[in-house]
Amino acid sequence: MDLNSDIHATQTHLEARGVVFINAPHMIHKHDNGIEEWMAFFNDNEGRPLALMAQVTPTP
């Protein structure tokens, strides 16, 4: 499993370590060249919002 390239795997890994996500990974933008940007938000241990972000090239 490559946590650097799979936002869903990273979310699962962090949830197993106790991180509570505000929402599931979701696409926020699609570039003209087809690359998608995905984000998932969570709060740190002091309540500050943080996010995971991934750029994904969809497979045909």
N, C-alpha and C. Protein backbone atom coordinates (compact mmCIF):
# COMPACT_ATOMS: atom_id res chain seq x y z
N MET A 1 0.85 -1.19 0.00
CA MET A 1 0.00 0.00 0.00
C MET A 1 0.89 1.24 0.00
N ASP A 2 0.64 2.13 -0.92
CA ASP A 2 1.41 3.36 -1.03
C ASP A 2 0.58 4.51 -0.49
N LEU A 3 0.83 4.90 0.76
CA LEU A 3 0.04 5.96 1.40
C LEU A 3 0.26 7.31 0.75
N ASN A 4 1.37 7.48 0.05
CA ASN A 4 1.64 8.76 -0.59
C ASN A 4 0.78 9.01 -1.82
N SER A 5 0.28 7.95 -2.45
CA SER A 5 -0.47 8.13 -3.69
C SER A 5 -1.94 7.75 -3.57
N ASP A 6 -2.39 7.28 -2.41
CA ASP A 6 -3.77 6.83 -2.26
C ASP A 6 -4.40 7.51 -1.04
N ILE A 7 -5.19 8.54 -1.29
CA ILE A 7 -5.79 9.31 -0.20
C ILE A 7 -6.73 8.43 0.64
N HIS A 8 -7.40 7.47 -0.01
CA HIS A 8 -8.32 6.59 0.72
C HIS A 8 -7.54 5.67 1.68
N ALA A 9 -6.41 5.14 1.22
CA ALA A 9 -5.58 4.29 2.08
C ALA A 9 -5.00 5.10 3.23
N THR A 10 -4.60 6.33 2.96
CA THR A 10 -4.07 7.18 4.01
C THR A 10 -5.13 7.48 5.06
N GLN A 11 -6.36 7.77 4.61
CA GLN A 11 -7.45 8.01 5.56
C GLN A 11 -7.67 6.78 6.43
N THR A 12 -7.72 5.60 5.84
CA THR A 12 -7.93 4.36 6.59
C THR A 12 -6.81 4.16 7.61
N HIS A 13 -5.58 4.40 7.18
CA HIS A 13 -4.41 4.26 8.07
C HIS A 13 -4.51 5.22 9.26
N LEU A 14 -4.86 6.47 8.99
CA LEU A 14 -4.96 7.45 10.07
C LEU A 14 -6.15 7.17 11.00
N GLU A 15 -7.27 6.73 10.44
CA GLU A 15 -8.42 6.37 11.27
C GLU A 15 -8.07 5.23 12.22
N ALA A 16 -7.27 4.27 11.76
CA ALA A 16 -6.84 3.17 12.61
C ALA A 16 -5.97 3.66 13.76
N ARG A 17 -5.39 4.84 13.60
CA ARG A 17 -4.55 5.43 14.65
C ARG A 17 -5.32 6.45 15.48
N GLY A 18 -6.66 6.54 15.25
CA GLY A 18 -7.49 7.39 16.09
C GLY A 18 -7.91 8.73 15.52
N VAL A 19 -7.49 9.04 14.29
CA VAL A 19 -7.88 10.31 13.68
C VAL A 19 -9.34 10.22 13.25
N VAL A 20 -10.11 11.25 13.57
CA VAL A 20 -11.53 11.30 13.19
C VAL A 20 -11.67 12.31 12.05
N PHE A 21 -12.14 11.82 10.92
CA PHE A 21 -12.31 12.68 9.75
C PHE A 21 -13.67 13.36 9.76
N ILE A 22 -13.69 14.60 9.28
CA ILE A 22 -14.92 15.38 9.18
C ILE A 22 -15.73 14.90 7.98
N ASN A 23 -15.02 14.48 6.92
CA ASN A 23 -15.70 13.98 5.72
C ASN A 23 -14.81 12.98 5.01
N ALA A 24 -15.39 12.28 4.07
CA ALA A 24 -14.65 11.31 3.27
C ALA A 24 -13.86 12.04 2.19
N PRO A 25 -12.82 11.41 1.65
CA PRO A 25 -12.12 12.02 0.53
C PRO A 25 -13.09 12.32 -0.61
N HIS A 26 -12.94 13.49 -1.19
CA HIS A 26 -13.82 13.88 -2.28
C HIS A 26 -13.05 14.75 -3.26
N MET A 27 -13.46 14.69 -4.54
CA MET A 27 -12.80 15.48 -5.56
C MET A 27 -13.23 16.93 -5.43
N ILE A 28 -12.25 17.83 -5.44
CA ILE A 28 -12.55 19.26 -5.33
C ILE A 28 -12.31 20.00 -6.63
N HIS A 29 -11.53 19.39 -7.55
CA HIS A 29 -11.23 20.08 -8.80
C HIS A 29 -10.74 19.07 -9.83
N LYS A 30 -11.09 19.29 -11.09
CA LYS A 30 -10.56 18.48 -12.19
C LYS A 30 -9.92 19.42 -13.19
N HIS A 31 -8.62 19.23 -13.42
CA HIS A 31 -7.86 20.07 -14.36
C HIS A 31 -8.19 19.69 -15.79
N ASP A 32 -7.90 20.61 -16.71
CA ASP A 32 -8.14 20.38 -18.13
C ASP A 32 -7.39 19.14 -18.64
N ASN A 33 -6.26 18.81 -18.02
CA ASN A 33 -5.47 17.65 -18.46
C ASN A 33 -5.96 16.34 -17.83
N GLY A 34 -7.06 16.39 -17.08
CA GLY A 34 -7.66 15.20 -16.49
C GLY A 34 -7.23 14.90 -15.07
N ILE A 35 -6.18 15.55 -14.58
CA ILE A 35 -5.74 15.31 -13.20
C ILE A 35 -6.79 15.84 -12.23
N GLU A 36 -7.11 15.01 -11.23
CA GLU A 36 -8.11 15.37 -10.23
C GLU A 36 -7.41 15.73 -8.91
N GLU A 37 -7.96 16.70 -8.21
CA GLU A 37 -7.47 17.03 -6.87
C GLU A 37 -8.54 16.58 -5.88
N TRP A 38 -8.09 15.82 -4.88
CA TRP A 38 -8.97 15.26 -3.86
C TRP A 38 -8.54 15.77 -2.48
N MET A 39 -9.53 15.95 -1.57
CA MET A 39 -9.23 16.37 -0.20
C MET A 39 -10.11 15.61 0.79
N ALA A 40 -9.61 15.51 2.01
CA ALA A 40 -10.37 14.96 3.14
C ALA A 40 -9.94 15.76 4.37
N PHE A 41 -10.90 16.23 5.14
CA PHE A 41 -10.62 17.11 6.28
C PHE A 41 -10.78 16.39 7.61
N PHE A 42 -9.94 16.81 8.57
CA PHE A 42 -9.99 16.30 9.94
C PHE A 42 -9.48 17.40 10.85
N ASN A 43 -9.66 17.24 12.14
CA ASN A 43 -9.14 18.20 13.12
C ASN A 43 -7.95 17.59 13.84
N ASP A 44 -6.97 18.43 14.16
CA ASP A 44 -5.85 17.92 14.95
C ASP A 44 -6.28 17.78 16.41
N ASN A 45 -5.35 17.38 17.26
CA ASN A 45 -5.71 17.12 18.67
C ASN A 45 -6.06 18.39 19.45
N GLU A 46 -5.89 19.57 18.84
CA GLU A 46 -6.30 20.81 19.48
C GLU A 46 -7.49 21.45 18.77
N GLY A 47 -8.11 20.70 17.85
CA GLY A 47 -9.32 21.17 17.19
C GLY A 47 -9.09 22.02 15.96
N ARG A 48 -7.84 22.16 15.52
CA ARG A 48 -7.56 22.95 14.32
C ARG A 48 -7.81 22.11 13.08
N PRO A 49 -8.44 22.70 12.06
CA PRO A 49 -8.72 21.92 10.84
C PRO A 49 -7.46 21.67 10.02
N LEU A 50 -7.33 20.45 9.55
CA LEU A 50 -6.24 20.03 8.67
C LEU A 50 -6.85 19.23 7.52
N ALA A 51 -6.08 18.99 6.48
CA ALA A 51 -6.61 18.24 5.35
C ALA A 51 -5.53 17.37 4.72
N LEU A 52 -5.97 16.27 4.15
CA LEU A 52 -5.15 15.49 3.24
C LEU A 52 -5.47 16.00 1.85
N MET A 53 -4.48 15.99 0.98
CA MET A 53 -4.71 16.41 -0.41
C MET A 53 -3.95 15.46 -1.30
N ALA A 54 -4.57 15.09 -2.42
CA ALA A 54 -3.91 14.21 -3.39
C ALA A 54 -4.26 14.66 -4.80
N GLN A 55 -3.28 14.55 -5.68
CA GLN A 55 -3.54 14.75 -7.11
C GLN A 55 -3.54 13.37 -7.74
N VAL A 56 -4.61 13.08 -8.47
CA VAL A 56 -4.82 11.74 -9.01
C VAL A 56 -4.99 11.81 -10.52
N THR A 57 -4.26 10.96 -11.21
CA THR A 57 -4.46 10.80 -12.65
C THR A 57 -5.36 9.60 -12.83
N PRO A 58 -6.60 9.81 -13.26
CA PRO A 58 -7.53 8.69 -13.41
C PRO A 58 -7.02 7.67 -14.43
N THR A 59 -7.28 6.41 -14.17
CA THR A 59 -6.93 5.36 -15.12
C THR A 59 -8.06 5.22 -16.13
N PRO A 60 -7.70 5.00 -17.37
CA PRO A 60 -8.76 4.92 -18.42
C PRO A 60 -9.63 3.70 -18.26
